[in-house]
Each structure stands twice: as C-alpha cells, then as structure tokens.
Amino acid sequence: MAGTKAGGQAAAATNKAKYGADFYAKIGAAGGKKGRTGGFFANRELARQAGAKGGRISRRTKKTA
C-alpha cells in the first residue's frame, strides 16, 4: 500500500498511536522553531512593499466596455 492514499492514512494512524495525537503538530512546530532566516516578519516594511507590488499586478484581463 506504499504510496497510496490508504497507505498514507494507515501511516498517519500508526504515527499517532505510537507518538500521540499531536504528532504532526509537534514536528511542524519543531520545524518552525528551527528556522533562522527571519523571513518577511524580520522586516515588516519590506513585506508591506512586496504585498503592495503584488496587489498592483492584476492577473485579470482588462475589460473593454
């Protein structure tokens, strides 16, 4: 069953039974804490500028009315 949806669900059930119901929350939190690059949160002004740029770029076609 390896590589199938059913196999993944079985593996998840096994992991939760072995390591607790919050297994995936724990490994996700550990990964988040290990990061040291800062990301956008380190520079809020840069994040604001990037969001503004993205907001100005429309992916919709211009309507001709």
N, C-alpha and C. Protein backbone atom coordinates (compact mmCIF):
# COMPACT_ATOMS: atom_id res chain seq x y z
N MET A 1 0.80 -1.20 0.00
CA MET A 1 0.00 0.00 0.00
C MET A 1 0.85 1.27 0.00
N ALA A 2 2.14 1.11 -0.08
CA ALA A 2 3.00 2.28 -0.01
C ALA A 2 2.72 3.21 -1.18
N GLY A 3 2.63 4.49 -0.89
CA GLY A 3 2.43 5.47 -1.95
C GLY A 3 0.96 5.69 -2.32
N THR A 4 0.05 5.09 -1.59
CA THR A 4 -1.36 5.29 -1.89
C THR A 4 -2.00 6.13 -0.78
N LYS A 5 -3.20 6.62 -1.05
CA LYS A 5 -3.91 7.42 -0.04
C LYS A 5 -4.19 6.57 1.20
N ALA A 6 -4.59 5.33 0.97
CA ALA A 6 -4.89 4.44 2.09
C ALA A 6 -3.63 4.15 2.91
N GLY A 7 -2.50 4.01 2.22
CA GLY A 7 -1.24 3.77 2.91
C GLY A 7 -0.82 4.95 3.76
N GLY A 8 -1.05 6.14 3.23
CA GLY A 8 -0.72 7.35 3.98
C GLY A 8 -1.58 7.49 5.22
N GLN A 9 -2.85 7.15 5.08
CA GLN A 9 -3.75 7.22 6.24
C GLN A 9 -3.37 6.19 7.29
N ALA A 10 -2.94 5.01 6.85
CA ALA A 10 -2.50 3.97 7.78
C ALA A 10 -1.24 4.41 8.51
N ALA A 11 -0.30 5.03 7.77
CA ALA A 11 0.94 5.50 8.39
C ALA A 11 0.64 6.60 9.39
N ALA A 12 -0.29 7.50 9.06
CA ALA A 12 -0.66 8.58 9.98
C ALA A 12 -1.28 8.00 11.24
N ALA A 13 -2.12 6.99 11.09
CA ALA A 13 -2.74 6.37 12.26
C ALA A 13 -1.70 5.70 13.14
N THR A 14 -0.72 5.06 12.51
CA THR A 14 0.35 4.40 13.26
C THR A 14 1.18 5.43 14.02
N ASN A 15 1.55 6.51 13.34
CA ASN A 15 2.34 7.56 13.99
C ASN A 15 1.60 8.16 15.18
N LYS A 16 0.31 8.40 15.01
CA LYS A 16 -0.49 8.98 16.09
C LYS A 16 -0.61 8.00 17.26
N ALA A 17 -0.73 6.70 16.95
CA ALA A 17 -0.84 5.70 18.02
C ALA A 17 0.47 5.58 18.79
N LYS A 18 1.59 5.64 18.06
CA LYS A 18 2.90 5.48 18.69
C LYS A 18 3.33 6.72 19.47
N TYR A 19 3.11 7.90 18.87
CA TYR A 19 3.73 9.12 19.40
C TYR A 19 2.73 10.14 19.94
N GLY A 20 1.44 9.84 19.88
CA GLY A 20 0.43 10.75 20.41
C GLY A 20 -0.35 11.43 19.31
N ALA A 21 -1.54 11.91 19.67
CA ALA A 21 -2.44 12.51 18.68
C ALA A 21 -1.89 13.81 18.10
N ASP A 22 -0.99 14.46 18.85
CA ASP A 22 -0.44 15.73 18.37
C ASP A 22 0.92 15.56 17.67
N PHE A 23 1.17 14.37 17.14
CA PHE A 23 2.46 14.08 16.50
C PHE A 23 2.80 15.07 15.40
N TYR A 24 1.87 15.32 14.49
CA TYR A 24 2.16 16.19 13.35
C TYR A 24 2.28 17.65 13.79
N ALA A 25 1.53 18.05 14.80
CA ALA A 25 1.65 19.40 15.33
C ALA A 25 3.04 19.60 15.93
N LYS A 26 3.54 18.57 16.62
CA LYS A 26 4.87 18.67 17.26
C LYS A 26 5.98 18.79 16.23
N ILE A 27 5.94 17.96 15.17
CA ILE A 27 7.03 18.02 14.20
C ILE A 27 6.94 19.31 13.37
N GLY A 28 5.72 19.81 13.16
CA GLY A 28 5.56 21.08 12.45
C GLY A 28 6.11 22.23 13.26
N ALA A 29 5.84 22.22 14.57
CA ALA A 29 6.32 23.29 15.45
C ALA A 29 7.85 23.25 15.54
N ALA A 30 8.42 22.04 15.57
CA ALA A 30 9.87 21.91 15.65
C ALA A 30 10.52 22.49 14.41
N GLY A 31 9.93 22.23 13.25
CA GLY A 31 10.47 22.78 12.01
C GLY A 31 10.39 24.29 11.99
N GLY A 32 9.29 24.85 12.49
CA GLY A 32 9.14 26.29 12.51
C GLY A 32 10.13 26.96 13.44
N LYS A 33 10.45 26.30 14.54
CA LYS A 33 11.39 26.88 15.51
C LYS A 33 12.83 26.80 15.03
N LYS A 34 13.13 25.84 14.16
CA LYS A 34 14.50 25.68 13.69
C LYS A 34 14.92 26.76 12.69
N GLY A 35 13.95 27.38 12.04
CA GLY A 35 14.26 28.39 11.03
C GLY A 35 14.99 29.58 11.62
N ARG A 36 16.03 30.05 10.92
CA ARG A 36 16.82 31.17 11.42
C ARG A 36 16.96 32.30 10.40
N THR A 37 16.22 32.22 9.32
CA THR A 37 16.40 33.23 8.28
C THR A 37 15.55 34.47 8.51
N GLY A 38 14.52 34.37 9.35
CA GLY A 38 13.72 35.55 9.67
C GLY A 38 12.51 35.71 8.77
N GLY A 39 12.69 35.61 7.48
CA GLY A 39 11.58 35.77 6.56
C GLY A 39 11.07 37.20 6.55
N PHE A 40 9.85 37.40 6.09
CA PHE A 40 9.29 38.74 6.00
C PHE A 40 9.04 39.34 7.37
N PHE A 41 8.81 38.52 8.36
CA PHE A 41 8.49 39.05 9.67
C PHE A 41 9.65 39.89 10.22
N ALA A 42 10.87 39.58 9.79
CA ALA A 42 12.03 40.33 10.26
C ALA A 42 12.03 41.75 9.75
N ASN A 43 11.39 41.99 8.61
CA ASN A 43 11.35 43.33 8.02
C ASN A 43 9.93 43.61 7.55
N ARG A 44 9.12 44.17 8.44
CA ARG A 44 7.70 44.37 8.13
C ARG A 44 7.49 45.36 6.99
N GLU A 45 8.35 46.37 6.89
CA GLU A 45 8.20 47.37 5.83
C GLU A 45 8.44 46.72 4.45
N LEU A 46 9.43 45.85 4.37
CA LEU A 46 9.70 45.14 3.12
C LEU A 46 8.51 44.26 2.75
N ALA A 47 7.91 43.62 3.73
CA ALA A 47 6.73 42.78 3.48
C ALA A 47 5.58 43.65 2.96
N ARG A 48 5.40 44.83 3.52
CA ARG A 48 4.33 45.72 3.09
C ARG A 48 4.54 46.14 1.65
N GLN A 49 5.79 46.48 1.30
CA GLN A 49 6.09 46.91 -0.07
C GLN A 49 5.87 45.77 -1.06
N ALA A 50 6.29 44.57 -0.69
CA ALA A 50 6.11 43.42 -1.58
C ALA A 50 4.63 43.12 -1.79
N GLY A 51 3.84 43.22 -0.73
CA GLY A 51 2.41 42.99 -0.85
C GLY A 51 1.74 44.03 -1.74
N ALA A 52 2.21 45.26 -1.64
CA ALA A 52 1.65 46.33 -2.46
C ALA A 52 1.97 46.09 -3.93
N LYS A 53 3.19 45.64 -4.20
CA LYS A 53 3.57 45.33 -5.59
C LYS A 53 2.69 44.22 -6.15
N GLY A 54 2.52 43.17 -5.35
CA GLY A 54 1.70 42.04 -5.80
C GLY A 54 0.27 42.46 -6.02
N GLY A 55 -0.23 43.35 -5.20
CA GLY A 55 -1.61 43.81 -5.33
C GLY A 55 -1.83 44.64 -6.59
N ARG A 56 -0.79 45.32 -7.04
CA ARG A 56 -0.91 46.15 -8.25
C ARG A 56 -0.89 45.33 -9.52
N ILE A 57 -0.32 44.14 -9.46
CA ILE A 57 -0.21 43.30 -10.66
C ILE A 57 -1.49 42.49 -10.80
N SER A 58 -2.35 42.90 -11.70
CA SER A 58 -3.61 42.20 -11.90
C SER A 58 -3.42 41.03 -12.85
N ARG A 59 -4.00 39.90 -12.53
CA ARG A 59 -3.95 38.74 -13.43
C ARG A 59 -5.20 38.65 -14.27
N ARG A 60 -6.12 39.59 -14.08
CA ARG A 60 -7.33 39.59 -14.88
C ARG A 60 -7.11 40.43 -16.13
N THR A 61 -7.78 40.03 -17.18
CA THR A 61 -7.66 40.80 -18.42
C THR A 61 -8.47 42.09 -18.28
N LYS A 62 -8.07 43.09 -18.99
CA LYS A 62 -8.79 44.36 -18.93
C LYS A 62 -10.12 44.25 -19.67
N LYS A 63 -11.16 44.75 -19.06
CA LYS A 63 -12.49 44.69 -19.67
C LYS A 63 -12.64 45.86 -20.63
N THR A 64 -13.10 45.57 -21.83
CA THR A 64 -13.36 46.63 -22.81
C THR A 64 -14.86 46.87 -22.85
N ALA A 65 -15.27 48.04 -22.37
CA ALA A 65 -16.70 48.27 -22.29
C ALA A 65 -17.14 49.40 -23.20
